[in-house]
N, C-alpha and C. Protein backbone atom coordinates (compact mmCIF):
# COMPACT_ATOMS: atom_id res chain seq x y z
N MET A 1 62.56 -71.58 85.20
CA MET A 1 61.51 -71.94 86.13
C MET A 1 60.35 -70.95 85.97
N PRO A 2 59.11 -71.47 85.85
CA PRO A 2 57.96 -70.57 85.68
C PRO A 2 57.72 -69.75 86.94
N PRO A 3 57.16 -68.55 86.78
CA PRO A 3 56.91 -67.70 87.94
C PRO A 3 55.82 -68.30 88.83
N MET A 4 55.86 -67.92 90.10
CA MET A 4 54.83 -68.35 91.05
C MET A 4 53.55 -67.56 90.75
N LEU A 5 52.48 -68.26 90.42
CA LEU A 5 51.22 -67.62 90.08
C LEU A 5 50.29 -67.63 91.29
N PRO A 6 49.40 -66.61 91.38
CA PRO A 6 48.43 -66.64 92.48
C PRO A 6 47.44 -67.78 92.25
N PRO A 7 46.68 -68.15 93.29
CA PRO A 7 45.67 -69.19 93.09
C PRO A 7 44.60 -68.72 92.10
N LYS A 8 44.00 -69.69 91.43
CA LYS A 8 42.93 -69.33 90.49
C LYS A 8 41.81 -68.62 91.23
N PRO A 9 41.08 -67.72 90.55
CA PRO A 9 39.96 -67.03 91.19
C PRO A 9 38.88 -68.01 91.65
N THR A 10 38.13 -67.59 92.65
CA THR A 10 36.99 -68.35 93.13
C THR A 10 35.77 -67.99 92.30
N VAL A 11 35.04 -68.99 91.83
CA VAL A 11 33.81 -68.74 91.05
C VAL A 11 32.68 -68.51 92.05
N LEU A 12 32.14 -67.29 92.03
CA LEU A 12 31.04 -66.94 92.93
C LEU A 12 29.69 -67.30 92.32
N ASN A 13 29.60 -67.16 91.00
CA ASN A 13 28.36 -67.46 90.29
C ASN A 13 28.71 -67.84 88.86
N HIS A 14 27.98 -68.80 88.32
CA HIS A 14 28.23 -69.29 86.97
C HIS A 14 26.88 -69.58 86.34
N LYS A 15 26.57 -68.94 85.21
CA LYS A 15 25.31 -69.24 84.55
C LYS A 15 25.42 -69.05 83.05
N GLU A 16 24.58 -69.79 82.33
CA GLU A 16 24.47 -69.66 80.89
C GLU A 16 23.55 -68.48 80.59
N VAL A 17 24.01 -67.56 79.73
CA VAL A 17 23.21 -66.39 79.41
C VAL A 17 22.68 -66.41 77.97
N ALA A 18 23.25 -67.25 77.11
CA ALA A 18 22.74 -67.37 75.73
C ALA A 18 23.24 -68.69 75.15
N HIS A 19 22.44 -69.22 74.22
CA HIS A 19 22.80 -70.50 73.60
C HIS A 19 22.31 -70.50 72.16
N SER A 20 23.17 -70.95 71.25
CA SER A 20 22.77 -71.12 69.85
C SER A 20 23.20 -72.52 69.42
N ARG A 21 23.02 -72.80 68.15
CA ARG A 21 23.41 -74.10 67.61
C ARG A 21 24.91 -74.35 67.80
N LEU A 22 25.72 -73.31 67.71
CA LEU A 22 27.17 -73.47 67.79
C LEU A 22 27.80 -72.98 69.09
N PHE A 23 27.17 -72.01 69.74
CA PHE A 23 27.83 -71.35 70.85
C PHE A 23 26.96 -71.31 72.10
N THR A 24 27.63 -71.35 73.23
CA THR A 24 27.00 -71.09 74.52
C THR A 24 27.79 -69.97 75.16
N ILE A 25 27.09 -68.94 75.63
CA ILE A 25 27.76 -67.85 76.32
C ILE A 25 27.51 -68.02 77.82
N GLU A 26 28.59 -68.05 78.58
CA GLU A 26 28.50 -68.21 80.02
C GLU A 26 28.96 -66.92 80.71
N GLN A 27 28.34 -66.64 81.84
CA GLN A 27 28.72 -65.51 82.67
C GLN A 27 29.35 -66.05 83.95
N LEU A 28 30.50 -65.52 84.29
CA LEU A 28 31.20 -65.95 85.50
C LEU A 28 31.43 -64.75 86.40
N ASP A 29 31.02 -64.84 87.66
CA ASP A 29 31.37 -63.84 88.66
C ASP A 29 32.52 -64.43 89.46
N LEU A 30 33.65 -63.72 89.48
CA LEU A 30 34.87 -64.24 90.07
C LEU A 30 35.39 -63.35 91.19
N ARG A 31 36.03 -63.98 92.17
CA ARG A 31 36.78 -63.25 93.21
C ARG A 31 38.23 -63.69 93.11
N PHE A 32 39.10 -62.71 92.90
CA PHE A 32 40.53 -62.98 92.77
C PHE A 32 41.18 -63.03 94.16
N SER A 33 42.38 -63.56 94.22
CA SER A 33 43.04 -63.78 95.51
C SER A 33 43.30 -62.48 96.27
N ASN A 34 43.33 -61.34 95.56
CA ASN A 34 43.51 -60.05 96.22
C ASN A 34 42.18 -59.41 96.66
N GLY A 35 41.07 -60.14 96.48
CA GLY A 35 39.76 -59.65 96.88
C GLY A 35 38.97 -58.96 95.78
N ALA A 36 39.60 -58.63 94.65
CA ALA A 36 38.90 -57.97 93.55
C ALA A 36 37.87 -58.92 92.96
N GLU A 37 36.69 -58.38 92.66
CA GLU A 37 35.63 -59.18 92.03
C GLU A 37 35.33 -58.62 90.65
N ARG A 38 35.15 -59.52 89.69
CA ARG A 38 34.87 -59.14 88.31
C ARG A 38 33.88 -60.12 87.71
N ARG A 39 33.14 -59.63 86.70
CA ARG A 39 32.25 -60.46 85.90
C ARG A 39 32.90 -60.67 84.54
N PHE A 40 33.02 -61.92 84.14
CA PHE A 40 33.56 -62.30 82.85
C PHE A 40 32.48 -63.00 82.05
N GLU A 41 32.56 -62.88 80.73
CA GLU A 41 31.73 -63.69 79.84
C GLU A 41 32.67 -64.47 78.94
N ARG A 42 32.24 -65.68 78.61
CA ARG A 42 33.07 -66.49 77.73
C ARG A 42 32.19 -67.34 76.82
N LEU A 43 32.74 -67.64 75.65
CA LEU A 43 32.11 -68.61 74.76
C LEU A 43 32.58 -69.98 75.18
N LYS A 44 31.66 -70.86 75.41
CA LYS A 44 32.01 -72.23 75.77
C LYS A 44 32.11 -73.01 74.48
N GLY A 45 33.25 -73.63 74.26
CA GLY A 45 33.50 -74.39 73.04
C GLY A 45 32.87 -75.76 73.09
N SER A 46 32.86 -76.39 71.95
CA SER A 46 32.38 -77.75 71.84
C SER A 46 33.38 -78.69 72.50
N SER A 47 32.88 -79.71 73.16
CA SER A 47 33.78 -80.69 73.78
C SER A 47 34.34 -81.66 72.74
N ARG A 48 33.86 -81.55 71.50
CA ARG A 48 34.30 -82.48 70.45
C ARG A 48 35.72 -82.20 69.98
N GLY A 49 36.18 -80.99 70.05
CA GLY A 49 37.50 -80.65 69.55
C GLY A 49 37.47 -80.31 68.08
N ALA A 50 38.57 -79.76 67.59
CA ALA A 50 38.68 -79.34 66.21
C ALA A 50 40.10 -79.58 65.71
N VAL A 51 40.21 -79.70 64.39
CA VAL A 51 41.51 -79.94 63.76
C VAL A 51 41.77 -78.92 62.66
N MET A 52 43.05 -78.62 62.45
CA MET A 52 43.51 -77.79 61.34
C MET A 52 44.66 -78.55 60.71
N ILE A 53 44.67 -78.64 59.39
CA ILE A 53 45.63 -79.51 58.72
C ILE A 53 46.60 -78.71 57.84
N VAL A 54 47.90 -78.93 58.08
CA VAL A 54 48.95 -78.43 57.19
C VAL A 54 49.24 -79.59 56.25
N ALA A 55 48.61 -79.55 55.08
CA ALA A 55 48.70 -80.66 54.11
C ALA A 55 49.75 -80.32 53.06
N MET A 56 50.73 -81.20 52.92
CA MET A 56 51.85 -80.96 52.02
C MET A 56 51.87 -81.99 50.89
N PRO A 57 51.56 -81.56 49.66
CA PRO A 57 51.60 -82.49 48.53
C PRO A 57 53.02 -82.89 48.15
N ASP A 58 54.00 -82.08 48.56
CA ASP A 58 55.42 -82.37 48.35
C ASP A 58 56.20 -81.63 49.44
N PRO A 59 57.51 -81.82 49.53
CA PRO A 59 58.26 -81.23 50.64
C PRO A 59 58.32 -79.70 50.67
N GLU A 60 57.94 -79.04 49.58
CA GLU A 60 58.06 -77.58 49.53
C GLU A 60 56.73 -76.84 49.54
N HIS A 61 55.60 -77.53 49.42
CA HIS A 61 54.33 -76.83 49.23
C HIS A 61 53.27 -77.26 50.24
N VAL A 62 52.31 -76.39 50.43
CA VAL A 62 51.20 -76.62 51.34
C VAL A 62 49.89 -76.26 50.63
N LEU A 63 48.82 -76.97 50.98
CA LEU A 63 47.50 -76.69 50.41
C LEU A 63 46.74 -75.72 51.31
N LEU A 64 46.15 -74.70 50.70
CA LEU A 64 45.29 -73.75 51.40
C LEU A 64 43.95 -73.70 50.69
N ILE A 65 42.91 -73.29 51.42
CA ILE A 65 41.57 -73.21 50.84
C ILE A 65 41.02 -71.79 50.98
N HIS A 66 40.16 -71.44 50.03
CA HIS A 66 39.36 -70.22 50.14
C HIS A 66 38.02 -70.64 50.73
N GLU A 67 37.66 -70.02 51.84
CA GLU A 67 36.43 -70.39 52.54
C GLU A 67 35.72 -69.11 52.97
N TYR A 68 34.39 -69.11 52.82
CA TYR A 68 33.63 -67.95 53.26
C TYR A 68 33.74 -67.82 54.76
N ALA A 69 34.13 -66.63 55.24
CA ALA A 69 34.28 -66.34 56.66
C ALA A 69 33.15 -65.39 57.06
N ALA A 70 32.11 -65.93 57.68
CA ALA A 70 30.93 -65.13 58.03
C ALA A 70 31.28 -63.96 58.94
N GLY A 71 32.26 -64.13 59.82
CA GLY A 71 32.64 -63.05 60.73
C GLY A 71 33.14 -61.82 59.99
N PHE A 72 33.72 -62.00 58.81
CA PHE A 72 34.23 -60.89 58.00
C PHE A 72 33.36 -60.61 56.78
N ASP A 73 32.35 -61.46 56.54
CA ASP A 73 31.51 -61.37 55.36
C ASP A 73 32.38 -61.27 54.10
N ASP A 74 33.36 -62.18 54.03
CA ASP A 74 34.25 -62.21 52.88
C ASP A 74 34.93 -63.59 52.84
N TYR A 75 35.60 -63.87 51.75
CA TYR A 75 36.35 -65.11 51.64
C TYR A 75 37.73 -64.93 52.25
N ALA A 76 38.19 -65.95 52.94
CA ALA A 76 39.52 -65.93 53.55
C ALA A 76 40.31 -67.14 53.05
N LEU A 77 41.61 -66.94 52.91
CA LEU A 77 42.52 -68.01 52.56
C LEU A 77 43.02 -68.60 53.88
N THR A 78 42.89 -69.90 54.05
CA THR A 78 43.23 -70.54 55.31
C THR A 78 43.60 -72.00 55.08
N LEU A 79 43.87 -72.69 56.15
CA LEU A 79 44.14 -74.12 56.09
C LEU A 79 42.84 -74.89 56.24
N PRO A 80 42.76 -76.10 55.69
CA PRO A 80 41.57 -76.92 55.90
C PRO A 80 41.42 -77.23 57.40
N LYS A 81 40.15 -77.26 57.85
CA LYS A 81 39.90 -77.45 59.28
C LYS A 81 38.47 -77.90 59.49
N GLY A 82 38.19 -78.37 60.70
CA GLY A 82 36.81 -78.75 61.04
C GLY A 82 36.73 -79.42 62.39
N LEU A 83 35.51 -79.72 62.79
CA LEU A 83 35.26 -80.36 64.07
C LEU A 83 35.56 -81.85 64.02
N VAL A 84 35.92 -82.39 65.16
CA VAL A 84 36.10 -83.83 65.32
C VAL A 84 34.71 -84.42 65.51
N ASP A 85 34.35 -85.38 64.68
CA ASP A 85 33.03 -86.03 64.79
C ASP A 85 33.04 -87.03 65.95
N PRO A 86 31.85 -87.31 66.52
CA PRO A 86 31.79 -88.31 67.59
C PRO A 86 32.40 -89.64 67.14
N GLY A 87 33.23 -90.21 68.01
CA GLY A 87 33.88 -91.48 67.71
C GLY A 87 35.19 -91.37 66.96
N GLU A 88 35.55 -90.16 66.50
CA GLU A 88 36.81 -89.97 65.77
C GLU A 88 37.92 -89.54 66.72
N ASP A 89 39.16 -89.92 66.37
CA ASP A 89 40.32 -89.30 67.01
C ASP A 89 40.76 -88.16 66.10
N ILE A 90 41.75 -87.39 66.53
CA ILE A 90 42.12 -86.20 65.75
C ILE A 90 42.76 -86.55 64.41
N VAL A 91 43.47 -87.65 64.32
CA VAL A 91 44.09 -88.05 63.05
C VAL A 91 43.02 -88.44 62.04
N THR A 92 42.03 -89.22 62.48
CA THR A 92 40.93 -89.62 61.58
C THR A 92 40.14 -88.39 61.14
N ALA A 93 39.87 -87.48 62.07
CA ALA A 93 39.14 -86.25 61.74
C ALA A 93 39.92 -85.41 60.74
N ALA A 94 41.23 -85.29 60.93
CA ALA A 94 42.05 -84.50 60.02
C ALA A 94 42.03 -85.08 58.61
N ASN A 95 42.14 -86.40 58.50
CA ASN A 95 42.12 -87.03 57.18
C ASN A 95 40.76 -86.85 56.51
N ARG A 96 39.67 -87.00 57.28
CA ARG A 96 38.33 -86.80 56.73
C ARG A 96 38.16 -85.36 56.24
N GLU A 97 38.54 -84.39 57.07
CA GLU A 97 38.40 -82.98 56.67
C GLU A 97 39.24 -82.67 55.44
N LEU A 98 40.43 -83.24 55.36
CA LEU A 98 41.29 -83.05 54.19
C LEU A 98 40.62 -83.58 52.93
N MET A 99 39.99 -84.75 53.04
CA MET A 99 39.27 -85.33 51.89
C MET A 99 38.06 -84.49 51.51
N GLU A 100 37.34 -83.99 52.51
CA GLU A 100 36.14 -83.19 52.23
C GLU A 100 36.50 -81.84 51.62
N GLU A 101 37.53 -81.18 52.14
CA GLU A 101 37.81 -79.81 51.75
C GLU A 101 38.81 -79.67 50.61
N CYS A 102 39.72 -80.63 50.47
CA CYS A 102 40.76 -80.52 49.43
C CYS A 102 40.71 -81.64 48.40
N GLY A 103 39.92 -82.66 48.65
CA GLY A 103 39.88 -83.79 47.72
C GLY A 103 41.14 -84.64 47.79
N MET A 104 41.82 -84.60 48.94
CA MET A 104 43.06 -85.35 49.13
C MET A 104 43.00 -86.07 50.48
N GLY A 105 43.59 -87.26 50.54
CA GLY A 105 43.80 -87.96 51.80
C GLY A 105 45.29 -87.99 52.07
N ALA A 106 45.68 -88.45 53.26
CA ALA A 106 47.09 -88.51 53.61
C ALA A 106 47.43 -89.86 54.22
N HIS A 107 48.52 -90.44 53.77
CA HIS A 107 49.00 -91.69 54.36
C HIS A 107 49.70 -91.43 55.69
N THR A 108 50.29 -90.23 55.85
CA THR A 108 51.03 -89.88 57.06
C THR A 108 50.46 -88.60 57.65
N ILE A 109 49.97 -88.69 58.90
CA ILE A 109 49.45 -87.52 59.61
C ILE A 109 50.02 -87.55 61.03
N GLU A 110 50.62 -86.43 61.43
CA GLU A 110 51.20 -86.36 62.77
C GLU A 110 50.77 -85.06 63.46
N PRO A 111 50.43 -85.13 64.73
CA PRO A 111 50.08 -83.92 65.48
C PRO A 111 51.30 -83.00 65.60
N LEU A 112 51.05 -81.69 65.47
CA LEU A 112 52.11 -80.69 65.61
C LEU A 112 52.00 -79.94 66.93
N ILE A 113 50.80 -79.38 67.19
CA ILE A 113 50.62 -78.52 68.36
C ILE A 113 49.13 -78.32 68.58
N GLU A 114 48.78 -77.86 69.74
CA GLU A 114 47.40 -77.47 70.04
C GLU A 114 47.42 -75.96 70.31
N LEU A 115 46.58 -75.21 69.59
CA LEU A 115 46.53 -73.76 69.70
C LEU A 115 45.19 -73.31 70.26
N SER A 116 45.22 -72.23 71.02
CA SER A 116 43.98 -71.61 71.48
C SER A 116 43.81 -70.28 70.76
N LEU A 117 42.62 -69.75 70.83
CA LEU A 117 42.32 -68.47 70.21
C LEU A 117 41.54 -67.65 71.23
N ALA A 118 42.02 -66.47 71.57
CA ALA A 118 41.36 -65.58 72.52
C ALA A 118 41.00 -66.30 73.83
N PRO A 119 42.00 -66.84 74.56
CA PRO A 119 41.71 -67.62 75.76
C PRO A 119 41.02 -66.84 76.87
N ASN A 120 41.03 -65.52 76.82
CA ASN A 120 40.29 -64.74 77.82
C ASN A 120 38.79 -64.80 77.59
N TYR A 121 38.38 -65.20 76.38
CA TYR A 121 36.96 -65.17 76.03
C TYR A 121 36.39 -66.50 75.59
N MET A 122 37.23 -67.50 75.36
CA MET A 122 36.69 -68.79 74.93
C MET A 122 37.66 -69.91 75.30
N ASN A 123 37.12 -71.12 75.42
CA ASN A 123 37.97 -72.26 75.77
C ASN A 123 38.17 -73.20 74.59
N HIS A 124 38.11 -72.66 73.38
CA HIS A 124 38.25 -73.46 72.17
C HIS A 124 39.73 -73.69 71.87
N CYS A 125 40.08 -74.96 71.58
CA CYS A 125 41.44 -75.30 71.16
C CYS A 125 41.38 -76.00 69.81
N MET A 126 42.42 -75.81 69.04
CA MET A 126 42.53 -76.39 67.71
C MET A 126 43.77 -77.28 67.68
N HIS A 127 43.59 -78.54 67.31
CA HIS A 127 44.71 -79.46 67.11
C HIS A 127 45.24 -79.24 65.70
N VAL A 128 46.51 -78.91 65.59
CA VAL A 128 47.14 -78.71 64.28
C VAL A 128 47.92 -79.97 63.95
N LEU A 129 47.68 -80.49 62.74
CA LEU A 129 48.34 -81.73 62.31
C LEU A 129 49.03 -81.51 60.98
N LEU A 130 50.14 -82.22 60.78
CA LEU A 130 50.89 -82.17 59.54
C LEU A 130 50.55 -83.42 58.74
N ALA A 131 50.12 -83.22 57.49
CA ALA A 131 49.73 -84.34 56.61
C ALA A 131 50.69 -84.40 55.42
N ARG A 132 51.21 -85.63 55.18
CA ARG A 132 52.14 -85.86 54.06
C ARG A 132 51.71 -87.12 53.32
N ASP A 133 52.42 -87.43 52.27
CA ASP A 133 52.11 -88.61 51.46
C ASP A 133 50.65 -88.56 51.00
N LEU A 134 50.30 -87.48 50.33
CA LEU A 134 48.91 -87.24 49.92
C LEU A 134 48.53 -88.10 48.72
N TYR A 135 47.24 -88.39 48.64
CA TYR A 135 46.67 -89.10 47.49
C TYR A 135 45.29 -88.52 47.23
N GLU A 136 44.82 -88.64 45.99
CA GLU A 136 43.51 -88.09 45.64
C GLU A 136 42.39 -88.93 46.24
N GLN A 137 41.50 -88.28 46.94
CA GLN A 137 40.32 -88.94 47.54
C GLN A 137 39.37 -87.85 48.00
N ARG A 138 38.18 -87.83 47.44
CA ARG A 138 37.20 -86.82 47.84
C ARG A 138 36.06 -87.48 48.59
N LEU A 139 35.66 -86.83 49.69
CA LEU A 139 34.47 -87.21 50.44
C LEU A 139 33.50 -86.05 50.41
N PRO A 140 32.20 -86.32 50.41
CA PRO A 140 31.25 -85.21 50.49
C PRO A 140 31.37 -84.57 51.87
N GLY A 141 31.30 -83.25 51.91
CA GLY A 141 31.43 -82.54 53.18
C GLY A 141 30.20 -81.72 53.48
N ASP A 142 30.31 -80.88 54.48
CA ASP A 142 29.18 -80.05 54.88
C ASP A 142 29.30 -78.61 54.38
N GLU A 143 30.27 -78.36 53.50
CA GLU A 143 30.44 -77.01 52.97
C GLU A 143 29.28 -76.67 52.03
N PRO A 144 28.80 -75.43 52.09
CA PRO A 144 27.67 -75.05 51.23
C PRO A 144 28.04 -74.87 49.77
N GLU A 145 29.33 -74.80 49.47
CA GLU A 145 29.80 -74.65 48.09
C GLU A 145 31.17 -75.29 47.97
N PRO A 146 31.58 -75.66 46.76
CA PRO A 146 32.92 -76.22 46.59
C PRO A 146 33.99 -75.21 47.02
N LEU A 147 35.02 -75.69 47.69
CA LEU A 147 36.10 -74.81 48.13
C LEU A 147 37.19 -74.75 47.06
N VAL A 148 37.77 -73.58 46.90
CA VAL A 148 38.87 -73.39 45.97
C VAL A 148 40.16 -73.72 46.72
N VAL A 149 40.97 -74.61 46.16
CA VAL A 149 42.22 -75.04 46.78
C VAL A 149 43.38 -74.41 46.04
N GLU A 150 44.34 -73.87 46.79
CA GLU A 150 45.57 -73.30 46.23
C GLU A 150 46.78 -74.01 46.82
N THR A 151 47.85 -74.04 46.08
CA THR A 151 49.12 -74.58 46.55
C THR A 151 50.10 -73.43 46.70
N HIS A 152 50.78 -73.38 47.87
CA HIS A 152 51.74 -72.31 48.14
C HIS A 152 53.04 -72.89 48.68
N ALA A 153 54.14 -72.19 48.42
CA ALA A 153 55.44 -72.59 48.94
C ALA A 153 55.49 -72.31 50.43
N ILE A 154 55.81 -73.31 51.23
CA ILE A 154 55.86 -73.13 52.68
C ILE A 154 57.04 -72.26 53.11
N ASN A 155 58.06 -72.16 52.28
CA ASN A 155 59.20 -71.31 52.62
C ASN A 155 59.01 -69.86 52.21
N ASP A 156 57.86 -69.52 51.62
CA ASP A 156 57.58 -68.13 51.24
C ASP A 156 56.35 -67.62 51.98
N LEU A 157 56.40 -67.70 53.30
CA LEU A 157 55.27 -67.23 54.10
C LEU A 157 55.12 -65.72 54.03
N THR A 158 56.19 -65.02 53.72
CA THR A 158 56.12 -63.57 53.58
C THR A 158 55.13 -63.18 52.49
N ALA A 159 55.14 -63.90 51.38
CA ALA A 159 54.19 -63.61 50.29
C ALA A 159 52.76 -63.86 50.74
N LEU A 160 52.54 -64.92 51.50
CA LEU A 160 51.19 -65.18 52.01
C LEU A 160 50.75 -64.07 52.96
N LEU A 161 51.63 -63.64 53.85
CA LEU A 161 51.27 -62.59 54.81
C LEU A 161 50.96 -61.26 54.14
N ALA A 162 51.47 -61.06 52.93
CA ALA A 162 51.21 -59.82 52.20
C ALA A 162 49.81 -59.81 51.57
N ARG A 163 49.16 -60.94 51.53
CA ARG A 163 47.83 -61.03 50.92
C ARG A 163 46.77 -60.53 51.89
N GLU A 164 45.81 -59.80 51.36
CA GLU A 164 44.71 -59.30 52.20
C GLU A 164 43.78 -60.40 52.67
N ASP A 165 43.71 -61.52 51.95
CA ASP A 165 42.77 -62.58 52.32
C ASP A 165 43.38 -63.64 53.23
N PHE A 166 44.64 -63.49 53.60
CA PHE A 166 45.30 -64.46 54.49
C PHE A 166 45.60 -63.78 55.82
N HIS A 167 44.73 -64.00 56.82
CA HIS A 167 44.88 -63.28 58.09
C HIS A 167 44.47 -64.09 59.32
N GLU A 168 44.10 -65.36 59.15
CA GLU A 168 43.69 -66.14 60.31
C GLU A 168 44.92 -66.50 61.14
N ALA A 169 44.94 -66.04 62.39
CA ALA A 169 46.11 -66.20 63.27
C ALA A 169 46.49 -67.66 63.47
N ARG A 170 45.50 -68.54 63.63
CA ARG A 170 45.83 -69.96 63.85
C ARG A 170 46.52 -70.55 62.63
N ALA A 171 46.07 -70.21 61.43
CA ALA A 171 46.69 -70.72 60.20
C ALA A 171 48.11 -70.17 60.05
N ILE A 172 48.30 -68.90 60.37
CA ILE A 172 49.63 -68.30 60.28
C ILE A 172 50.58 -69.00 61.25
N ALA A 173 50.14 -69.16 62.50
CA ALA A 173 50.98 -69.84 63.49
C ALA A 173 51.27 -71.27 63.07
N ALA A 174 50.26 -71.97 62.57
CA ALA A 174 50.43 -73.37 62.17
C ALA A 174 51.47 -73.50 61.06
N LEU A 175 51.47 -72.59 60.10
CA LEU A 175 52.44 -72.67 59.01
C LEU A 175 53.86 -72.39 59.50
N PHE A 176 54.03 -71.42 60.38
CA PHE A 176 55.37 -71.15 60.92
C PHE A 176 55.87 -72.34 61.74
N ILE A 177 54.99 -72.93 62.55
CA ILE A 177 55.38 -74.09 63.36
C ILE A 177 55.72 -75.27 62.47
N ALA A 178 54.91 -75.51 61.45
CA ALA A 178 55.17 -76.62 60.52
C ALA A 178 56.49 -76.41 59.79
N ARG A 179 56.72 -75.17 59.35
CA ARG A 179 57.97 -74.88 58.62
C ARG A 179 59.19 -75.17 59.51
N GLU A 180 59.12 -74.80 60.78
CA GLU A 180 60.24 -75.07 61.69
C GLU A 180 60.41 -76.57 61.94
N ARG A 181 59.30 -77.29 62.09
CA ARG A 181 59.38 -78.74 62.29
C ARG A 181 60.02 -79.40 61.07
N ILE A 182 59.66 -78.94 59.88
CA ILE A 182 60.22 -79.50 58.64
C ILE A 182 61.72 -79.22 58.56
N LYS A 183 62.13 -77.99 58.88
CA LYS A 183 63.56 -77.66 58.85
C LYS A 183 64.35 -78.56 59.79
N THR A 184 63.82 -78.77 60.99
CA THR A 184 64.48 -79.64 61.97
C THR A 184 64.57 -81.06 61.45
N ALA A 185 63.47 -81.58 60.88
CA ALA A 185 63.46 -82.95 60.37
C ALA A 185 64.39 -83.09 59.17
N GLN A 186 64.42 -82.08 58.29
CA GLN A 186 65.30 -82.14 57.12
C GLN A 186 66.76 -82.14 57.53
N SER A 187 67.11 -81.39 58.56
CA SER A 187 68.50 -81.33 58.98
C SER A 187 68.97 -82.64 59.61
N SER A 188 68.03 -83.43 60.11
CA SER A 188 68.39 -84.73 60.68
C SER A 188 68.07 -85.88 59.73
N SER A 189 67.78 -85.54 58.48
CA SER A 189 67.47 -86.52 57.43
C SER A 189 66.29 -87.42 57.77
N GLN A 190 65.31 -86.88 58.49
CA GLN A 190 64.12 -87.66 58.86
C GLN A 190 62.87 -87.19 58.11
N TRP A 191 63.06 -86.49 57.02
CA TRP A 191 61.91 -85.90 56.34
C TRP A 191 61.68 -86.52 54.98
N TRP A 192 60.46 -86.74 54.69
CA TRP A 192 59.93 -87.24 53.42
C TRP A 192 60.47 -88.54 53.08
């Protein structure tokens, strides 16, 4: 049974303090149930949603991409991902992003989990989907340069974690969750 939580804080003041093409920063003045007052800032995420794809060309391997990460000013190894376009559901968005970033489509795509990142500072969630039964199909994307695609064994996540360029927490969590889902499906003969 979950613990009894106090009531959510009362919002005393809420205002936008900065806005860019991608981000809105909001300031919240809050009063907690014990009377303590604090000012919080948060990044307001897009209401469109986002997807991250664990794409498996076969039962043992997963596709990863090298993508420039502006926050680190370096290339990072990660899973294909992107925003959900207006009018798309998450499965359609995942297949489109897979085609744009990896040159592959998927006949079978299933939602795995929804992950957040730094929930104290932003309300952004990422839908993680598992893609199987891949086929070659490339769509033009919005990437400024072609992405390098690598294939890795999903059962050797330790080797990936040892790499300096593989450090995105959502991608790491997604691969561990996908690996566990696959093990469960394989043990019940419901896989591939």
